[in-house]
N, C-alpha and C. Protein backbone atom coordinates (compact mmCIF):
# COMPACT_ATOMS: atom_id res chain seq x y z
N UNK A 1 -134.71 18.91 147.65
CA UNK A 1 -134.89 18.90 146.13
C UNK A 1 -133.67 18.14 145.57
N UNK A 2 -134.11 17.45 144.39
CA UNK A 2 -132.99 16.57 143.84
C UNK A 2 -132.68 17.12 142.42
N UNK A 3 -131.55 17.27 141.90
CA UNK A 3 -131.21 17.68 140.64
C UNK A 3 -130.57 16.61 139.93
N UNK A 4 -130.93 16.38 138.52
CA UNK A 4 -130.50 15.15 137.65
C UNK A 4 -129.94 15.93 136.49
N UNK A 5 -128.67 15.59 136.05
CA UNK A 5 -128.02 16.27 135.05
C UNK A 5 -127.37 15.17 133.99
N UNK A 6 -127.77 15.18 132.79
CA UNK A 6 -127.27 14.17 131.75
C UNK A 6 -125.96 14.93 130.99
N UNK A 7 -125.13 14.10 130.55
CA UNK A 7 -124.13 14.46 129.64
C UNK A 7 -123.60 13.49 128.79
N UNK A 8 -122.90 13.78 127.70
CA UNK A 8 -122.24 12.80 126.88
C UNK A 8 -122.89 12.45 125.51
N UNK A 9 -124.02 13.21 125.22
CA UNK A 9 -124.57 13.08 123.87
C UNK A 9 -123.76 13.72 122.76
N UNK A 10 -124.17 13.60 121.45
CA UNK A 10 -123.42 14.21 120.49
C UNK A 10 -123.93 13.43 119.06
N UNK A 11 -123.08 13.76 118.00
CA UNK A 11 -123.32 13.22 116.72
C UNK A 11 -122.27 12.18 116.52
N UNK A 12 -122.81 11.02 116.17
CA UNK A 12 -121.88 9.86 115.80
C UNK A 12 -122.36 9.12 114.56
N UNK A 13 -121.40 8.52 113.87
CA UNK A 13 -121.74 7.75 112.63
C UNK A 13 -122.32 6.40 112.96
N UNK A 14 -123.19 5.80 112.07
CA UNK A 14 -123.72 4.39 112.32
C UNK A 14 -122.62 3.49 112.56
N UNK A 15 -122.84 2.67 113.59
CA UNK A 15 -121.83 1.70 114.00
C UNK A 15 -120.88 2.20 115.06
N UNK A 16 -121.13 3.56 115.45
CA UNK A 16 -120.20 4.14 116.41
C UNK A 16 -120.76 3.87 117.90
N UNK A 17 -119.96 4.50 118.73
CA UNK A 17 -120.26 4.29 120.05
C UNK A 17 -120.35 5.76 120.81
N UNK A 18 -121.28 5.77 121.79
CA UNK A 18 -121.24 7.06 122.73
C UNK A 18 -121.39 6.29 124.29
N UNK A 19 -121.09 7.26 125.21
CA UNK A 19 -121.38 6.88 126.51
C UNK A 19 -121.96 8.03 127.14
N UNK A 20 -123.26 7.76 127.61
CA UNK A 20 -123.97 8.86 128.31
C UNK A 20 -123.69 8.72 130.02
N UNK A 21 -123.74 9.85 130.54
CA UNK A 21 -123.69 9.84 132.08
C UNK A 21 -124.80 10.73 132.57
N UNK A 22 -125.24 10.33 133.94
CA UNK A 22 -126.28 11.13 134.46
C UNK A 22 -126.05 11.16 136.05
N UNK A 23 -125.80 12.35 136.53
CA UNK A 23 -125.72 12.36 137.95
C UNK A 23 -126.75 13.06 138.66
N UNK A 24 -127.14 12.35 139.79
CA UNK A 24 -128.04 12.87 140.79
C UNK A 24 -127.49 13.59 141.97
N UNK A 25 -127.89 14.73 142.37
CA UNK A 25 -127.46 15.47 143.54
C UNK A 25 -128.54 16.17 144.24
N UNK A 26 -128.16 16.40 145.44
CA UNK A 26 -129.33 17.16 146.45
C UNK A 26 -129.36 16.53 147.64
N UNK A 27 -130.78 16.68 148.37
CA UNK A 27 -130.92 16.33 149.56
C UNK A 27 -131.76 14.91 149.54
N UNK A 28 -131.04 13.90 149.64
CA UNK A 28 -131.43 12.42 149.55
C UNK A 28 -130.33 11.52 150.22
N UNK A 29 -130.93 10.54 150.74
CA UNK A 29 -129.83 9.34 151.36
C UNK A 29 -129.37 8.43 150.42
N UNK A 30 -130.39 8.03 149.51
CA UNK A 30 -130.11 6.83 148.64
C UNK A 30 -130.98 6.76 147.41
N UNK A 31 -130.52 6.27 146.45
CA UNK A 31 -131.20 6.06 145.17
C UNK A 31 -131.71 4.73 145.10
N UNK A 32 -133.05 4.48 144.76
CA UNK A 32 -133.51 3.06 144.52
C UNK A 32 -133.17 2.62 143.14
N UNK A 33 -133.42 3.53 142.21
CA UNK A 33 -133.21 3.12 140.75
C UNK A 33 -132.92 4.37 139.93
N UNK A 34 -132.37 4.12 138.76
CA UNK A 34 -132.11 5.14 137.72
C UNK A 34 -132.34 4.49 136.42
N UNK A 35 -132.84 5.38 135.42
CA UNK A 35 -133.31 4.87 134.18
C UNK A 35 -133.06 5.83 133.01
N UNK A 36 -132.96 5.31 131.91
CA UNK A 36 -132.89 6.15 130.65
C UNK A 36 -133.89 5.89 129.66
N UNK A 37 -134.49 7.15 129.30
CA UNK A 37 -135.55 7.10 128.37
C UNK A 37 -135.15 7.91 127.00
N UNK A 38 -135.85 7.55 126.01
CA UNK A 38 -135.57 8.48 124.86
C UNK A 38 -136.83 8.97 124.22
N UNK A 39 -136.67 9.85 123.46
CA UNK A 39 -137.80 10.53 122.75
C UNK A 39 -137.38 11.00 121.26
N UNK A 40 -137.80 10.32 120.23
CA UNK A 40 -137.56 10.68 118.82
C UNK A 40 -138.62 11.63 118.46
N UNK A 41 -138.23 12.56 117.43
CA UNK A 41 -139.45 13.38 116.88
C UNK A 41 -140.56 12.76 116.44
N UNK A 42 -141.74 13.21 116.91
CA UNK A 42 -143.02 12.53 116.52
C UNK A 42 -143.26 11.18 117.27
N UNK A 43 -142.56 10.83 118.18
CA UNK A 43 -142.78 9.56 119.05
C UNK A 43 -142.98 9.83 120.34
N UNK A 44 -143.54 8.81 121.12
CA UNK A 44 -143.69 8.90 122.43
C UNK A 44 -142.32 8.55 123.24
N UNK A 45 -142.12 9.07 124.26
CA UNK A 45 -141.00 8.74 125.15
C UNK A 45 -140.99 7.27 125.53
N UNK A 46 -139.93 6.60 125.24
CA UNK A 46 -139.88 5.13 125.61
C UNK A 46 -138.66 4.85 126.62
N UNK A 47 -139.11 3.78 127.48
CA UNK A 47 -137.99 3.33 128.35
C UNK A 47 -136.82 2.68 127.56
N UNK A 48 -135.58 2.89 127.82
CA UNK A 48 -134.42 2.40 127.11
C UNK A 48 -133.78 1.34 128.07
N UNK A 49 -133.48 1.70 129.12
CA UNK A 49 -132.85 0.90 130.19
C UNK A 49 -133.02 1.39 131.68
N UNK A 50 -133.01 0.49 132.59
CA UNK A 50 -133.22 0.87 133.88
C UNK A 50 -132.37 -0.05 134.89
N UNK A 51 -131.83 0.50 135.88
CA UNK A 51 -131.04 -0.27 136.79
C UNK A 51 -131.48 0.01 138.25
N UNK A 52 -131.59 -0.89 139.13
CA UNK A 52 -131.83 -0.62 140.53
C UNK A 52 -130.43 -0.58 141.39
N UNK A 53 -130.52 -0.33 142.60
CA UNK A 53 -129.46 -0.26 143.34
C UNK A 53 -129.03 -1.70 143.76
N UNK A 54 -129.84 -2.64 143.58
CA UNK A 54 -129.42 -4.15 143.66
C UNK A 54 -128.95 -4.63 142.35
N UNK A 55 -128.59 -3.79 141.36
CA UNK A 55 -128.05 -4.11 140.08
C UNK A 55 -128.90 -5.05 139.13
N UNK A 56 -130.29 -4.85 139.42
CA UNK A 56 -131.12 -5.40 138.53
C UNK A 56 -131.24 -4.55 137.29
N UNK A 57 -131.27 -5.09 136.15
CA UNK A 57 -131.24 -4.30 134.85
C UNK A 57 -132.36 -4.77 133.95
N UNK A 58 -132.90 -3.82 133.24
CA UNK A 58 -133.63 -4.27 132.22
C UNK A 58 -133.54 -3.39 131.01
N UNK A 59 -133.81 -3.84 129.89
CA UNK A 59 -133.63 -3.09 128.49
C UNK A 59 -134.82 -3.29 127.65
N UNK A 60 -135.01 -2.21 126.76
CA UNK A 60 -135.97 -2.35 125.83
C UNK A 60 -135.39 -3.33 124.69
N UNK A 61 -136.18 -4.11 124.01
CA UNK A 61 -135.56 -5.25 123.04
C UNK A 61 -134.63 -4.66 121.98
N UNK A 62 -134.90 -3.49 121.58
CA UNK A 62 -134.29 -2.95 120.36
C UNK A 62 -132.81 -2.59 120.77
N UNK A 63 -132.44 -2.45 121.91
CA UNK A 63 -131.13 -1.98 122.28
C UNK A 63 -130.32 -3.26 123.01
N UNK A 64 -131.01 -4.39 123.33
CA UNK A 64 -130.30 -5.55 123.93
C UNK A 64 -129.25 -5.98 123.20
N UNK A 65 -128.13 -6.25 123.80
CA UNK A 65 -126.86 -6.61 123.07
C UNK A 65 -126.18 -5.45 122.70
N UNK A 66 -126.49 -4.28 122.56
CA UNK A 66 -125.83 -3.15 122.04
C UNK A 66 -125.60 -2.00 123.12
N UNK A 67 -126.61 -1.84 124.14
CA UNK A 67 -126.41 -0.94 125.09
C UNK A 67 -126.19 -1.59 126.49
N UNK A 68 -125.36 -0.96 127.30
CA UNK A 68 -125.24 -1.44 128.67
C UNK A 68 -125.41 -0.26 129.64
N UNK A 69 -126.16 -0.61 130.66
CA UNK A 69 -126.43 0.43 131.74
C UNK A 69 -125.64 -0.10 132.95
N UNK A 70 -125.12 0.96 133.66
CA UNK A 70 -124.36 0.59 134.99
C UNK A 70 -124.59 1.73 135.84
N UNK A 71 -124.33 1.58 137.13
CA UNK A 71 -124.49 2.63 138.17
C UNK A 71 -123.41 2.60 139.12
N UNK A 72 -122.92 3.78 139.51
CA UNK A 72 -122.12 3.98 140.58
C UNK A 72 -122.86 4.43 141.83
N UNK A 73 -123.02 3.59 142.75
CA UNK A 73 -124.10 3.97 143.91
C UNK A 73 -123.54 5.10 144.74
N UNK A 74 -122.25 5.08 144.97
CA UNK A 74 -121.58 5.97 145.70
C UNK A 74 -121.63 7.42 145.07
N UNK A 75 -121.49 7.43 143.79
CA UNK A 75 -121.64 8.72 143.21
C UNK A 75 -122.82 9.10 142.70
N UNK A 76 -123.82 8.32 142.82
CA UNK A 76 -125.36 8.63 142.38
C UNK A 76 -125.34 8.96 140.92
N UNK A 77 -124.59 8.00 140.15
CA UNK A 77 -124.37 8.34 138.73
C UNK A 77 -124.83 7.01 137.96
N UNK A 78 -125.44 7.20 136.92
CA UNK A 78 -125.74 6.19 135.96
C UNK A 78 -125.09 6.43 134.61
N UNK A 79 -124.73 5.31 134.04
CA UNK A 79 -124.09 5.41 132.71
C UNK A 79 -124.90 4.63 131.68
N UNK A 80 -124.68 5.03 130.35
CA UNK A 80 -125.36 4.13 129.32
C UNK A 80 -124.33 4.08 128.25
N UNK A 81 -123.73 2.95 128.10
CA UNK A 81 -122.68 2.69 127.00
C UNK A 81 -123.46 2.23 125.90
N UNK A 82 -123.38 3.00 124.84
CA UNK A 82 -124.16 2.68 123.61
C UNK A 82 -123.21 2.36 122.39
N UNK A 83 -123.25 1.09 121.94
CA UNK A 83 -122.41 0.53 121.00
C UNK A 83 -123.37 0.15 119.73
N UNK A 84 -122.52 0.01 118.65
CA UNK A 84 -123.23 -0.31 117.30
C UNK A 84 -124.42 0.55 117.10
N UNK A 85 -124.26 1.90 117.28
CA UNK A 85 -125.48 2.69 117.09
C UNK A 85 -125.99 2.66 115.74
N UNK A 86 -127.26 3.03 115.68
CA UNK A 86 -128.14 2.99 114.44
C UNK A 86 -128.75 4.28 114.24
N UNK A 87 -129.14 4.65 112.95
CA UNK A 87 -129.88 5.91 112.84
C UNK A 87 -131.13 5.97 113.64
N UNK A 88 -131.91 4.89 113.91
CA UNK A 88 -133.01 4.83 114.69
C UNK A 88 -132.74 4.99 116.19
N UNK A 89 -131.59 5.05 116.59
CA UNK A 89 -131.34 5.48 117.95
C UNK A 89 -131.23 7.05 118.17
N UNK A 90 -131.40 7.60 117.15
CA UNK A 90 -131.44 9.16 117.19
C UNK A 90 -132.61 9.61 118.01
N UNK A 91 -132.41 10.36 118.97
CA UNK A 91 -133.37 10.81 119.97
C UNK A 91 -132.76 11.67 121.09
N UNK A 92 -133.65 12.38 121.80
CA UNK A 92 -133.26 13.18 122.98
C UNK A 92 -133.32 12.06 124.13
N UNK A 93 -132.23 11.79 124.82
CA UNK A 93 -132.12 10.83 125.76
C UNK A 93 -132.27 11.55 127.17
N UNK A 94 -133.23 11.06 128.04
CA UNK A 94 -133.43 11.51 129.33
C UNK A 94 -133.09 10.57 130.47
N UNK A 95 -132.70 10.95 131.57
CA UNK A 95 -132.36 10.20 132.68
C UNK A 95 -133.40 10.61 133.77
N UNK A 96 -133.83 9.50 134.68
CA UNK A 96 -134.53 9.77 135.85
C UNK A 96 -134.00 9.12 136.98
N UNK A 97 -134.16 9.71 138.12
CA UNK A 97 -133.83 8.92 139.43
C UNK A 97 -135.07 8.77 140.28
N UNK A 98 -135.00 7.55 140.80
CA UNK A 98 -136.12 7.03 141.90
C UNK A 98 -135.38 7.09 143.22
N UNK A 99 -135.80 8.01 143.98
CA UNK A 99 -135.02 8.28 145.20
C UNK A 99 -135.88 7.61 146.46
N UNK A 100 -135.13 6.93 147.26
CA UNK A 100 -135.83 6.45 148.49
C UNK A 100 -136.53 7.43 149.23
N UNK A 101 -137.80 7.26 149.68
CA UNK A 101 -138.52 8.25 150.49
C UNK A 101 -139.22 9.24 149.76
N UNK A 102 -138.98 9.33 148.32
CA UNK A 102 -139.62 10.41 147.61
C UNK A 102 -140.58 9.79 146.70
N UNK A 103 -141.74 10.50 146.54
CA UNK A 103 -142.80 10.03 145.66
C UNK A 103 -142.42 10.29 144.36
N UNK A 104 -141.90 11.39 144.04
CA UNK A 104 -141.78 11.79 142.47
C UNK A 104 -140.51 11.15 141.81
N UNK A 105 -140.51 10.96 140.71
CA UNK A 105 -139.31 10.73 139.92
C UNK A 105 -138.69 12.14 139.52
N UNK A 106 -137.35 12.10 139.45
CA UNK A 106 -136.56 13.37 139.02
C UNK A 106 -136.02 13.12 137.73
N UNK A 107 -136.31 14.04 136.85
CA UNK A 107 -135.77 13.95 135.45
C UNK A 107 -134.69 15.04 135.17
N UNK A 108 -133.93 14.55 134.23
CA UNK A 108 -132.92 15.77 133.85
C UNK A 108 -133.53 16.40 132.60
N UNK A 109 -132.70 17.25 131.94
CA UNK A 109 -133.10 18.03 130.87
C UNK A 109 -133.01 17.42 129.45
N UNK A 110 -132.27 16.29 129.46
CA UNK A 110 -132.23 15.56 128.20
C UNK A 110 -130.80 16.01 127.37
N UNK A 111 -130.46 14.98 126.80
CA UNK A 111 -129.02 15.19 125.80
C UNK A 111 -129.43 14.60 124.54
N UNK A 112 -129.12 15.41 123.49
CA UNK A 112 -129.31 14.88 122.16
C UNK A 112 -128.37 13.82 121.61
N UNK A 113 -128.83 12.77 121.01
CA UNK A 113 -128.06 11.75 120.38
C UNK A 113 -128.35 11.76 118.88
N UNK A 114 -127.52 11.99 118.12
CA UNK A 114 -127.74 11.91 116.57
C UNK A 114 -126.74 10.94 115.89
N UNK A 115 -127.36 9.91 115.21
CA UNK A 115 -126.70 8.98 114.74
C UNK A 115 -126.81 9.15 113.12
N UNK A 116 -125.69 9.68 112.51
CA UNK A 116 -125.92 9.89 110.99
C UNK A 116 -124.60 9.99 110.44
N UNK A 117 -124.59 9.65 109.19
CA UNK A 117 -123.26 9.64 108.31
C UNK A 117 -123.27 10.99 107.59
């Protein structure tokens, strides 16, 4: 079994920054990729950013230039540095882990990010 736990959400003013963390633990050898998704009220969950163990990264267009995803392979942890935050970034942010040899993605419980003055 694999556990995924996010942290770092909160309330921030427009233009501010937050750093989200997500750690995977449990019975596995290595992680292939980790990703951040978000879901705002009344909207579908969308991919925000994804990173592979080979450091391949991709972002949704709306966050390019503002968000940076990074991963510590040894700690099985992924980070999302969010700068220049906007009210439309408000959502619950979810992390998932794609583990080598496992068919399923493992999801965390989510962390709330609220951007408001």
